PDB file of N, CA and C in Angstrom:
ATOM      1  N   PRO A   1     -39.565   6.686   9.323  1.00  0.00           N
ATOM      2  CA  PRO A   1     -39.265   6.112  10.759  1.00  0.00           C
ATOM      3  C   PRO A   1     -38.006   6.529  11.662  1.00  0.00           C
ATOM      4  N   GLU A   2     -38.336   6.818  12.629  1.00  0.00           N
ATOM      5  CA  GLU A   2     -37.005   7.310  13.555  1.00  0.00           C
ATOM      6  C   GLU A   2     -35.865   6.248  13.596  1.00  0.00           C
ATOM      7  N   SER A   3     -34.530   6.674  13.619  1.00  0.00           N
ATOM      8  CA  SER A   3     -33.431   5.889  13.521  1.00  0.00           C
ATOM      9  C   SER A   3     -33.136   5.841  14.663  1.00  0.00           C
ATOM     10  N   ALA A   4     -32.896   4.648  15.042  1.00  0.00           N
ATOM     11  CA  ALA A   4     -32.292   4.163  16.523  1.00  0.00           C
ATOM     12  C   ALA A   4     -30.795   5.043  16.776  1.00  0.00           C
ATOM     13  N   GLN A   5     -30.591   5.662  18.052  1.00  0.00           N
ATOM     14  CA  GLN A   5     -29.394   6.500  18.646  1.00  0.00           C
ATOM     15  C   GLN A   5     -29.170   5.472  19.694  1.00  0.00           C
ATOM     16  N   LEU A   6     -27.497   5.393  19.475  1.00  0.00           N
ATOM     17  CA  LEU A   6     -27.110   4.768  20.920  1.00  0.00           C
ATOM     18  C   LEU A   6     -26.855   6.000  22.259  1.00  0.00           C
ATOM     19  N   ASP A   7     -26.666   4.861  23.343  1.00  0.00           N
ATOM     20  CA  ASP A   7     -27.009   5.971  24.413  1.00  0.00           C
ATOM     21  C   ASP A   7     -25.760   6.239  24.830  1.00  0.00           C
ATOM     22  N   GLU A   8     -25.482   6.784  25.520  1.00  0.00           N
ATOM     23  CA  GLU A   8     -24.096   7.699  26.081  1.00  0.00           C
ATOM     24  C   GLU A   8     -22.861   6.883  26.504  1.00  0.00           C
ATOM     25  N   ALA A   9     -23.247   6.129  27.116  1.00  0.00           N
ATOM     26  CA  ALA A   9     -22.574   4.298  27.280  1.00  0.00           C
ATOM     27  C   ALA A   9     -22.071   3.839  26.047  1.00  0.00           C
ATOM     28  N   ALA A  10     -22.973   3.968  25.336  1.00  0.00           N
ATOM     29  CA  ALA A  10     -22.468   2.575  24.264  1.00  0.00           C
ATOM     30  C   ALA A  10     -21.539   4.038  22.671  1.00  0.00           C
ATOM     31  N   ILE A  11     -21.843   4.725  22.915  1.00  0.00           N
ATOM     32  CA  ILE A  11     -20.733   6.287  21.878  1.00  0.00           C
ATOM     33  C   ILE A  11     -19.631   6.553  23.073  1.00  0.00           C
ATOM     34  N   ARG A  12     -19.514   6.252  24.365  1.00  0.00           N
ATOM     35  CA  ARG A  12     -18.273   5.902  24.640  1.00  0.00           C
ATOM     36  C   ARG A  12     -17.596   4.743  24.861  1.00  0.00           C
ATOM     37  N   ARG A  13     -18.078   4.042  24.826  1.00  0.00           N
ATOM     38  CA  ARG A  13     -17.241   2.404  23.851  1.00  0.00           C
ATOM     39  C   ARG A  13     -16.772   2.612  23.121  1.00  0.00           C
ATOM     40  N   LEU A  14     -17.268   2.792  22.189  1.00  0.00           N
ATOM     41  CA  LEU A  14     -16.752   3.126  20.237  1.00  0.00           C
ATOM     42  C   LEU A  14     -15.816   3.843  20.534  1.00  0.00           C
ATOM     43  N   GLN A  15     -15.826   5.261  21.313  1.00  0.00           N
ATOM     44  CA  GLN A  15     -15.087   6.210  21.038  1.00  0.00           C
ATOM     45  C   GLN A  15     -13.766   5.822  21.857  1.00  0.00           C
ATOM     46  N   ASP A  16     -13.669   4.586  22.826  1.00  0.00           N
ATOM     47  CA  ASP A  16     -12.800   4.014  23.473  1.00  0.00           C
ATOM     48  C   ASP A  16     -12.091   3.566  22.487  1.00  0.00           C
ATOM     49  N   ASP A  17     -12.735   2.407  21.711  1.00  0.00           N
ATOM     50  CA  ASP A  17     -12.283   1.617  20.640  1.00  0.00           C
ATOM     51  C   ASP A  17     -11.459   2.223  19.427  1.00  0.00           C
ATOM     52  N   LEU A  18     -11.630   2.933  19.287  1.00  0.00           N
ATOM     53  CA  LEU A  18     -10.799   4.032  18.236  1.00  0.00           C
ATOM     54  C   LEU A  18      -9.587   3.749  18.459  1.00  0.00           C
ATOM     55  N   PRO A  19      -8.611   3.569  17.166  1.00  0.00           N
ATOM     56  CA  PRO A  19      -7.230   3.672  17.693  1.00  0.00           C
ATOM     57  C   PRO A  19      -6.941   5.236  17.625  1.00  0.00           C
ATOM     58  N   ASP A  20      -5.648   5.381  18.027  1.00  0.00           N
ATOM     59  CA  ASP A  20      -5.013   7.064  18.426  1.00  0.00           C
ATOM     60  C   ASP A  20      -4.999   7.315  17.042  1.00  0.00           C
ATOM     61  N   ASP A  21      -5.611   8.979  16.956  1.00  0.00           N
ATOM     62  CA  ASP A  21      -5.380   9.677  16.031  1.00  0.00           C
ATOM     63  C   ASP A  21      -3.461   9.149  15.351  1.00  0.00           C
ATOM     64  N   GLU A  22      -2.496   9.200  15.896  1.00  0.00           N
ATOM     65  CA  GLU A  22      -1.047   9.047  15.188  1.00  0.00           C
ATOM     66  C   GLU A  22      -1.747   7.772  14.495  1.00  0.00           C
ATOM     67  N   VAL A  23      -2.119   6.435  14.911  1.00  0.00           N
ATOM     68  CA  VAL A  23      -2.440   5.332  14.203  1.00  0.00           C
ATOM     69  C   VAL A  23      -3.066   5.440  12.778  1.00  0.00           C
ATOM     70  N   LEU A  24      -4.568   6.020  13.103  1.00  0.00           N
ATOM     71  CA  LEU A  24      -5.247   6.270  12.027  1.00  0.00           C
ATOM     72  C   LEU A  24      -4.901   7.116  11.032  1.00  0.00           C
ATOM     73  N   TYR A  25      -3.847   8.371  11.164  1.00  0.00           N
ATOM     74  CA  TYR A  25      -3.119   8.724  10.224  1.00  0.00           C
ATOM     75  C   TYR A  25      -2.018   8.041   9.736  1.00  0.00           C
ATOM     76  N   ASP A  26      -1.240   7.144   9.895  1.00  0.00           N
ATOM     77  CA  ASP A  26      -0.330   5.797   9.719  1.00  0.00           C
ATOM     78  C   ASP A  26      -0.903   5.300   8.477  1.00  0.00           C
ATOM     79  N   LEU A  27      -2.113   4.674   9.106  1.00  0.00           N
ATOM     80  CA  LEU A  27      -3.179   3.871   8.024  1.00  0.00           C
ATOM     81  C   LEU A  27      -3.668   4.566   6.732  1.00  0.00           C
ATOM     82  N   ALA A  28      -3.743   5.809   7.041  1.00  0.00           N
ATOM     83  CA  ALA A  28      -4.708   6.745   6.053  1.00  0.00           C
ATOM     84  C   ALA A  28      -3.536   7.136   4.926  1.00  0.00           C
ATOM     85  N   GLU A  29      -2.170   6.941   5.521  1.00  0.00           N
ATOM     86  CA  GLU A  29      -1.136   7.601   4.616  1.00  0.00           C
ATOM     87  C   GLU A  29      -0.697   6.578   3.761  1.00  0.00           C
ATOM     88  N   LEU A  30      -0.910   4.876   4.486  1.00  0.00           N
ATOM     89  CA  LEU A  30      -0.949   4.054   3.782  1.00  0.00           C
ATOM     90  C   LEU A  30      -1.829   4.213   2.609  1.00  0.00           C
ATOM     91  N   PHE A  31      -3.424   3.858   2.664  1.00  0.00           N
ATOM     92  CA  PHE A  31      -3.938   4.437   1.563  1.00  0.00           C
ATOM     93  C   PHE A  31      -3.933   4.984   0.488  1.00  0.00           C
ATOM     94  N   ARG A  32      -3.159   5.816   1.398  1.00  0.00           N
ATOM     95  CA  ARG A  32      -3.170   7.318   0.289  1.00  0.00           C
ATOM     96  C   ARG A  32      -1.864   6.482  -0.408  1.00  0.00           C
ATOM     97  N   VAL A  33      -0.968   5.561  -0.377  1.00  0.00           N
ATOM     98  CA  VAL A  33       0.358   5.249  -1.409  1.00  0.00           C
ATOM     99  C   VAL A  33      -0.269   4.116  -2.564  1.00  0.00           C
ATOM    100  N   PHE A  34      -1.481   3.752  -1.598  1.00  0.00           N
ATOM    101  CA  PHE A  34      -2.525   3.002  -2.492  1.00  0.00           C
ATOM    102  C   PHE A  34      -3.437   3.641  -3.684  1.00  0.00           C
ATOM    103  N   GLY A  35      -3.416   4.955  -3.467  1.00  0.00           N
ATOM    104  CA  GLY A  35      -4.375   6.013  -4.389  1.00  0.00           C
ATOM    105  C   GLY A  35      -3.805   6.527  -5.592  1.00  0.00           C
ATOM    106  N   ASP A  36      -2.549   5.805  -6.218  1.00  0.00           N
ATOM    107  CA  ASP A  36      -1.999   6.238  -6.767  1.00  0.00           C
ATOM    108  C   ASP A  36      -1.645   4.807  -7.897  1.00  0.00           C
ATOM    109  N   SER A  37      -2.358   4.979  -9.186  1.00  0.00           N
ATOM    110  CA  SER A  37      -2.370   3.812 -10.468  1.00  0.00           C
ATOM    111  C   SER A  37      -1.339   3.134 -10.823  1.00  0.00           C
ATOM    112  N   THR A  38      -0.178   3.969 -10.955  1.00  0.00           N
ATOM    113  CA  THR A  38       0.963   3.772 -11.558  1.00  0.00           C
ATOM    114  C   THR A  38       1.777   3.044 -10.295  1.00  0.00           C
ATOM    115  N   ARG A  39       2.097   3.372  -8.607  1.00  0.00           N
ATOM    116  CA  ARG A  39       2.486   2.866  -7.702  1.00  0.00           C
ATOM    117  C   ARG A  39       1.835   1.404  -7.907  1.00  0.00           C
ATOM    118  N   ILE A  40       0.309   1.108  -8.071  1.00  0.00           N
ATOM    119  CA  ILE A  40      -0.351  -0.230  -8.093  1.00  0.00           C
ATOM    120  C   ILE A  40       0.091  -0.562  -9.158  1.00  0.00           C
ATOM    121  N   LYS A  41       0.630  -0.474 -10.012  1.00  0.00           N
ATOM    122  CA  LYS A  41       0.793  -1.055 -11.196  1.00  0.00           C
ATOM    123  C   LYS A  41       2.366  -1.826 -10.665  1.00  0.00           C
ATOM    124  N   ILE A  42       3.525  -1.169 -10.198  1.00  0.00           N
ATOM    125  CA  ILE A  42       4.388  -0.843 -10.107  1.00  0.00           C
ATOM    126  C   ILE A  42       4.229  -2.776  -8.132  1.00  0.00           C
ATOM    127  N   LEU A  43       3.136  -2.265  -7.729  1.00  0.00           N
ATOM    128  CA  LEU A  43       3.419  -3.221  -6.653  1.00  0.00           C
ATOM    129  C   LEU A  43       3.058  -5.144  -6.983  1.00  0.00           C
ATOM    130  N   TYR A  44       1.784  -4.411  -8.377  1.00  0.00           N
ATOM    131  CA  TYR A  44       1.425  -5.576  -8.643  1.00  0.00           C
ATOM    132  C   TYR A  44       2.487  -6.344  -9.729  1.00  0.00           C
ATOM    133  N   ALA A  45       3.535  -5.587 -10.294  1.00  0.00           N
ATOM    134  CA  ALA A  45       4.773  -6.109 -11.427  1.00  0.00           C
ATOM    135  C   ALA A  45       5.504  -6.938 -10.112  1.00  0.00           C
ATOM    136  N   LEU A  46       5.746  -6.394  -8.943  1.00  0.00           N
ATOM    137  CA  LEU A  46       6.475  -7.320  -7.613  1.00  0.00           C
ATOM    138  C   LEU A  46       5.430  -8.604  -7.176  1.00  0.00           C
ATOM    139  N   PHE A  47       4.273  -8.977  -7.350  1.00  0.00           N
ATOM    140  CA  PHE A  47       3.522  -9.200  -6.718  1.00  0.00           C
ATOM    141  C   PHE A  47       4.145 -11.019  -6.767  1.00  0.00           C
ATOM    142  N   GLU A  48       4.785 -11.555  -7.803  1.00  0.00           N
ATOM    143  CA  GLU A  48       5.153 -12.575  -8.101  1.00  0.00           C
ATOM    144  C   GLU A  48       6.658 -12.508  -7.866  1.00  0.00           C
ATOM    145  N   SER A  49       7.711 -11.695  -7.822  1.00  0.00           N
ATOM    146  CA  SER A  49       9.373 -11.506  -7.799  1.00  0.00           C
ATOM    147  C   SER A  49       9.613 -10.099  -7.351  1.00  0.00           C
ATOM    148  N   GLU A  50      10.971 -10.526  -7.133  1.00  0.00           N
ATOM    149  CA  GLU A  50      11.584  -9.084  -6.960  1.00  0.00           C
ATOM    150  C   GLU A  50      11.902  -9.069  -8.445  1.00  0.00           C
ATOM    151  N   LEU A  51      12.774  -7.196  -8.750  1.00  0.00           N
ATOM    152  CA  LEU A  51      12.731  -7.203 -10.053  1.00  0.00           C
ATOM    153  C   LEU A  51      13.121  -5.889  -9.776  1.00  0.00           C
ATOM    154  N   CYS A  52      14.210  -5.710 -10.821  1.00  0.00           N
ATOM    155  CA  CYS A  52      15.445  -4.695 -10.881  1.00  0.00           C
ATOM    156  C   CYS A  52      14.793  -3.518 -11.100  1.00  0.00           C
ATOM    157  N   VAL A  53      15.072  -2.282 -11.310  1.00  0.00           N
ATOM    158  CA  VAL A  53      14.410  -1.353 -11.410  1.00  0.00           C
ATOM    159  C   VAL A  53      14.405  -0.740 -13.264  1.00  0.00           C
ATOM    160  N   ASN A  54      15.344  -1.270 -13.806  1.00  0.00           N
ATOM    161  CA  ASN A  54      15.329  -1.285 -14.938  1.00  0.00           C
ATOM    162  C   ASN A  54      13.826  -2.493 -15.362  1.00  0.00           C
ATOM    163  N   ASP A  55      14.059  -3.160 -14.834  1.00  0.00           N
ATOM    164  CA  ASP A  55      12.681  -4.251 -15.418  1.00  0.00           C
ATOM    165  C   ASP A  55      11.716  -3.811 -15.334  1.00  0.00           C
ATOM    166  N   ILE A  56      11.260  -3.225 -13.929  1.00  0.00           N
ATOM    167  CA  ILE A  56       9.724  -2.268 -13.508  1.00  0.00           C
ATOM    168  C   ILE A  56       9.651  -1.327 -14.169  1.00  0.00           C
ATOM    169  N   ALA A  57      10.738  -0.580 -14.673  1.00  0.00           N
ATOM    170  CA  ALA A  57      10.777   0.528 -15.861  1.00  0.00           C
ATOM    171  C   ALA A  57       9.753  -0.123 -17.330  1.00  0.00           C
ATOM    172  N   GLN A  58      10.228  -0.998 -17.638  1.00  0.00           N
ATOM    173  CA  GLN A  58       9.922  -1.595 -19.030  1.00  0.00           C
ATOM    174  C   GLN A  58       8.438  -2.258 -18.712  1.00  0.00           C
ATOM    175  N   VAL A  59       7.970  -2.929 -17.536  1.00  0.00           N
ATOM    176  CA  VAL A  59       6.767  -3.692 -17.518  1.00  0.00           C
ATOM    177  C   VAL A  59       6.080  -2.651 -17.486  1.00  0.00           C
ATOM    178  N   VAL A  60       5.923  -1.891 -16.970  1.00  0.00           N
ATOM    179  CA  VAL A  60       5.047  -0.372 -16.029  1.00  0.00           C
ATOM    180  C   VAL A  60       5.218   0.455 -17.016  1.00  0.00           C
ATOM    181  N   GLY A  61       6.217   1.001 -18.267  1.00  0.00           N
ATOM    182  CA  GLY A  61       6.174   1.859 -19.041  1.00  0.00           C
ATOM    183  C   GLY A  61       6.539   2.984 -18.483  1.00  0.00           C
ATOM    184  N   ILE A  62       7.131   3.389 -17.460  1.00  0.00           N
ATOM    185  CA  ILE A  62       7.434   4.504 -17.151  1.00  0.00           C
ATOM    186  C   ILE A  62       9.375   4.442 -17.183  1.00  0.00           C
ATOM    187  N   SER A  63       9.949   5.966 -16.941  1.00  0.00           N
ATOM    188  CA  SER A  63      11.226   5.534 -16.990  1.00  0.00           C
ATOM    189  C   SER A  63      11.808   5.248 -15.290  1.00  0.00           C
ATOM    190  N   GLN A  64      12.990   4.996 -15.554  1.00  0.00           N
ATOM    191  CA  GLN A  64      13.842   4.429 -14.211  1.00  0.00           C
ATOM    192  C   GLN A  64      13.533   5.004 -13.113  1.00  0.00           C
ATOM    193  N   SER A  65      13.804   6.714 -13.313  1.00  0.00           N
ATOM    194  CA  SER A  65      13.592   7.907 -12.297  1.00  0.00           C
ATOM    195  C   SER A  65      12.469   7.402 -11.973  1.00  0.00           C
ATOM    196  N   ALA A  66      11.301   7.535 -12.951  1.00  0.00           N
ATOM    197  CA  ALA A  66       9.906   7.623 -12.282  1.00  0.00           C
ATOM    198  C   ALA A  66       9.726   6.593 -11.007  1.00  0.00           C
ATOM    199  N   VAL A  67      10.344   5.526 -11.736  1.00  0.00           N
ATOM    200  CA  VAL A  67      10.204   4.104 -10.549  1.00  0.00           C
ATOM    201  C   VAL A  67      10.397   4.508  -9.407  1.00  0.00           C
ATOM    202  N   SER A  68      11.684   4.598  -9.075  1.00  0.00           N
ATOM    203  CA  SER A  68      12.507   5.087  -8.012  1.00  0.00           C
ATOM    204  C   SER A  68      11.664   5.804  -6.989  1.00  0.00           C
ATOM    205  N   HIS A  69      11.305   7.236  -7.623  1.00  0.00           N
ATOM    206  CA  HIS A  69      10.166   8.422  -7.485  1.00  0.00           C
ATOM    207  C   HIS A  69       9.025   7.620  -6.999  1.00  0.00           C
ATOM    208  N   ARG A  70       8.660   6.678  -7.479  1.00  0.00           N
ATOM    209  CA  ARG A  70       7.364   6.617  -6.983  1.00  0.00           C
ATOM    210  C   ARG A  70       6.898   5.335  -6.000  1.00  0.00           C
ATOM    211  N   LEU A  71       8.169   4.657  -6.009  1.00  0.00           N
ATOM    212  CA  LEU A  71       8.514   3.617  -4.769  1.00  0.00           C
ATOM    213  C   LEU A  71       8.655   3.629  -3.454  1.00  0.00           C
ATOM    214  N   LEU A  72       8.680   4.643  -3.142  1.00  0.00           N
ATOM    215  CA  LEU A  72       8.891   5.528  -1.855  1.00  0.00           C
ATOM    216  C   LEU A  72       9.109   4.030  -0.682  1.00  0.00           C
ATOM    217  N   LYS A  73      10.416   3.849  -0.532  1.00  0.00           N
ATOM    218  CA  LYS A  73      10.762   3.171   0.128  1.00  0.00           C
ATOM    219  C   LYS A  73      10.218   2.942   1.664  1.00  0.00           C
ATOM    220  N   THR A  74       9.976   4.350   2.020  1.00  0.00           N
ATOM    221  CA  THR A  74       9.216   4.849   3.778  1.00  0.00           C
ATOM    222  C   THR A  74       8.012   4.008   3.803  1.00  0.00           C
ATOM    223  N   SER A  75       7.012   3.975   2.618  1.00  0.00           N
ATOM    224  CA  SER A  75       6.155   3.390   2.875  1.00  0.00           C
ATOM    225  C   SER A  75       5.469   2.156   3.719  1.00  0.00           C
ATOM    226  N   LYS A  76       7.167   1.265   3.284  1.00  0.00           N
ATOM    227  CA  LYS A  76       7.186  -0.016   4.065  1.00  0.00           C
ATOM    228  C   LYS A  76       6.357  -0.903   3.048  1.00  0.00           C
ATOM    229  N   LEU A  77       5.800  -0.443   2.224  1.00  0.00           N
ATOM    230  CA  LEU A  77       5.140  -1.599   1.044  1.00  0.00           C
ATOM    231  C   LEU A  77       6.237  -2.706   0.245  1.00  0.00           C
ATOM    232  N   VAL A  78       7.331  -2.042  -0.255  1.00  0.00           N
ATOM    233  CA  VAL A  78       8.647  -2.469  -0.361  1.00  0.00           C
ATOM    234  C   VAL A  78       9.851  -2.385   0.133  1.00  0.00           C
ATOM    235  N   LYS A  79      10.460  -3.528  -0.176  1.00  0.00           N
ATOM    236  CA  LYS A  79      12.237  -3.518   0.182  1.00  0.00           C
ATOM    237  C   LYS A  79      13.137  -3.564  -0.758  1.00  0.00           C
ATOM    238  N   PHE A  80      14.414  -3.155  -0.334  1.00  0.00           N
ATOM    239  CA  PHE A  80      15.076  -3.045  -1.278  1.00  0.00           C
ATOM    240  C   PHE A  80      16.875  -3.480  -1.159  1.00  0.00           C
ATOM    241  N   ARG A  81      16.999  -4.077  -2.035  1.00  0.00           N
ATOM    242  CA  ARG A  81      18.927  -4.279  -1.966  1.00  0.00           C
ATOM    243  C   ARG A  81      19.955  -3.840  -3.285  1.00  0.00           C
ATOM    244  N   ARG A  82      20.774  -3.655  -2.702  1.00  0.00           N
ATOM    245  CA  ARG A  82      21.462  -3.364  -4.237  1.00  0.00           C
ATOM    246  C   ARG A  82      22.400  -4.525  -4.320  1.00  0.00           C
ATOM    247  N   GLU A  83      22.907  -4.200  -5.624  1.00  0.00           N
ATOM    248  CA  GLU A  83      23.388  -5.440  -6.396  1.00  0.00           C
ATOM    249  C   GLU A  83      24.431  -4.828  -7.485  1.00  0.00           C
ATOM    250  N   GLY A  84      25.700  -4.036  -6.883  1.00  0.00           N
ATOM    251  CA  GLY A  84      26.562  -3.689  -7.873  1.00  0.00           C
ATOM    252  C   GLY A  84      25.867  -2.420  -7.643  1.00  0.00           C
ATOM    253  N   LYS A  85      25.191  -1.871  -9.472  1.00  0.00           N
ATOM    254  CA  LYS A  85      25.123  -0.411  -9.368  1.00  0.00           C
ATOM    255  C   LYS A  85      23.462  -0.628  -9.779  1.00  0.00           C
ATOM    256  N   ALA A  86      23.373  -1.361  -9.846  1.00  0.00           N
ATOM    257  CA  ALA A  86      20.974  -2.106  -9.748  1.00  0.00           C
ATOM    258  C   ALA A  86      20.458  -2.302  -8.501  1.00  0.00           C
ATOM    259  N   MET A  87      19.526  -1.469  -8.298  1.00  0.00           N
ATOM    260  CA  MET A  87      18.707  -1.677  -7.282  1.00  0.00           C
ATOM    261  C   MET A  87      17.709  -2.580  -7.712  1.00  0.00           C
ATOM    262  N   TYR A  88      17.298  -3.479  -6.534  1.00  0.00           N
ATOM    263  CA  TYR A  88      16.068  -4.868  -6.747  1.00  0.00           C
ATOM    264  C   TYR A  88      15.298  -4.364  -5.592  1.00  0.00           C
ATOM    265  N   TYR A  89      14.074  -4.212  -6.390  1.00  0.00           N
ATOM    266  CA  TYR A  89      12.632  -4.165  -5.228  1.00  0.00           C
ATOM    267  C   TYR A  89      11.726  -5.280  -5.070  1.00  0.00           C
ATOM    268  N   SER A  90      11.236  -5.433  -4.351  1.00  0.00           N
ATOM    269  CA  SER A  90      10.505  -6.298  -3.949  1.00  0.00           C
ATOM    270  C   SER A  90       9.280  -6.045  -2.765  1.00  0.00           C
ATOM    271  N   LEU A  91       8.045  -6.674  -2.647  1.00  0.00           N
ATOM    272  CA  LEU A  91       7.096  -6.410  -1.531  1.00  0.00           C
ATOM    273  C   LEU A  91       7.615  -6.832  -0.420  1.00  0.00           C
ATOM    274  N   ASP A  92       7.519  -6.126   0.296  1.00  0.00           N
ATOM    275  CA  ASP A  92       8.332  -5.999   1.822  1.00  0.00           C
ATOM    276  C   ASP A  92       8.051  -7.210   2.484  1.00  0.00           C
ATOM    277  N   ASP A  93       6.420  -7.717   2.658  1.00  0.00           N
ATOM    278  CA  ASP A  93       5.923  -8.443   3.067  1.00  0.00           C
ATOM    279  C   ASP A  93       4.352  -9.581   2.636  1.00  0.00           C
ATOM    280  N   ASP A  94       4.345 -10.621   3.267  1.00  0.00           N
ATOM    281  CA  ASP A  94       3.455 -11.045   2.862  1.00  0.00           C
ATOM    282  C   ASP A  94       1.802 -10.415   3.212  1.00  0.00           C
ATOM    283  N   HIS A  95       1.770  -9.284   4.282  1.00  0.00           N
ATOM    284  CA  HIS A  95       0.700  -8.032   4.059  1.00  0.00           C
ATOM    285  C   HIS A  95       0.200  -7.918   3.267  1.00  0.00           C
ATOM    286  N   VAL A  96       1.488  -7.021   2.356  1.00  0.00           N
ATOM    287  CA  VAL A  96       1.452  -6.220   1.217  1.00  0.00           C
ATOM    288  C   VAL A  96       0.565  -6.859   0.182  1.00  0.00           C
ATOM    289  N   ARG A  97       1.333  -8.113   0.654  1.00  0.00           N
ATOM    290  CA  ARG A  97       0.435  -9.289  -1.385  1.00  0.00           C
ATOM    291  C   ARG A  97      -0.923  -9.348  -0.742  1.00  0.00           C
ATOM    292  N   SER A  98      -1.368  -9.824   0.408  1.00  0.00           N
ATOM    293  CA  SER A  98      -2.885  -9.825   0.881  1.00  0.00           C
ATOM    294  C   SER A  98      -3.412  -8.785   0.362  1.00  0.00           C
ATOM    295  N   MET A  99      -2.895  -7.658   0.922  1.00  0.00           N
ATOM    296  CA  MET A  99      -3.812  -6.342   0.576  1.00  0.00           C
ATOM    297  C   MET A  99      -4.094  -5.993  -1.030  1.00  0.00           C
ATOM    298  N   ILE A 100      -2.986  -6.452  -2.119  1.00  0.00           N
ATOM    299  CA  ILE A 100      -3.032  -6.390  -3.094  1.00  0.00           C
ATOM    300  C   ILE A 100      -4.382  -7.739  -3.895  1.00  0.00           C
ATOM    301  N   ALA A 101      -4.130  -9.004  -3.201  1.00  0.00           N
ATOM    302  CA  ALA A 101      -5.168  -9.852  -3.365  1.00  0.00           C
ATOM    303  C   ALA A 101      -6.613  -9.641  -3.366  1.00  0.00           C
ATOM    304  N   LEU A 102      -6.534  -8.731  -1.675  1.00  0.00           N
ATOM    305  CA  LEU A 102      -8.065  -8.515  -1.362  1.00  0.00           C
ATOM    306  C   LEU A 102      -8.894  -7.433  -2.010  1.00  0.00           C
ATOM    307  N   GLY A 103      -8.145  -6.625  -2.523  1.00  0.00           N
ATOM    308  CA  GLY A 103      -8.079  -5.049  -3.098  1.00  0.00           C
ATOM    309  C   GLY A 103      -8.724  -5.581  -4.600  1.00  0.00           C
ATOM    310  N   MET A 104      -7.648  -6.740  -5.068  1.00  0.00           N
ATOM    311  CA  MET A 104      -8.118  -6.959  -6.986  1.00  0.00           C
ATOM    312  C   MET A 104      -9.481  -7.982  -6.869  1.00  0.00           C
ATOM    313  N   GLU A 105      -9.351  -8.808  -5.337  1.00  0.00           N
ATOM    314  CA  GLU A 105     -11.093  -9.661  -5.344  1.00  0.00           C
ATOM    315  C   GLU A 105     -11.848  -8.757  -5.304  1.00  0.00           C
ATOM    316  N   HIS A 106     -11.603  -7.810  -4.294  1.00  0.00           N
ATOM    317  CA  HIS A 106     -12.674  -6.927  -4.346  1.00  0.00           C
ATOM    318  C   HIS A 106     -13.461  -6.053  -5.743  1.00  0.00           C
ATOM    319  N   THR A 107     -12.446  -5.544  -6.162  1.00  0.00           N
ATOM    320  CA  THR A 107     -13.130  -4.502  -7.305  1.00  0.00           C
ATOM    321  C   THR A 107     -13.112  -5.744  -8.974  1.00  0.00           C
ATOM    322  N   GLU A 108     -13.088  -6.780  -8.329  1.00  0.00           N
ATOM    323  CA  GLU A 108     -13.565  -7.913  -9.682  1.00  0.00           C
ATOM    324  C   GLU A 108     -14.832  -7.954  -9.562  1.00  0.00           C
ATOM    325  N   GLU A 109     -15.384  -7.890  -8.159  1.00  0.00           N
ATOM    326  CA  GLU A 109     -16.791  -8.856  -8.052  1.00  0.00           C
ATOM    327  C   GLU A 109     -18.008  -8.233  -8.455  1.00  0.00           C
TER     328      GLU A 109
END
């Protein structure tokens, strides 16, 4: 059977509705960050509460330097605060919590 094809006006409307390439690039970068199982473990460990680097390292089973390296503060997924020499991390906001929860829900279906 022949597949239905959209007319030019419909194609143009869909093209106009696409976000700008820069926005799509940022979205792709966000999902790239989620593409690493160790980072996902760290984010999941932070799901309920703030943790210091040492605690994250112990929970996830990696070195403290690996935690700092993996946390990509620039990804806007985690926020941090310093208390003396200790660094504490938490999920940046409820959007991050929702993305993790939805991802888990999807994978468990």
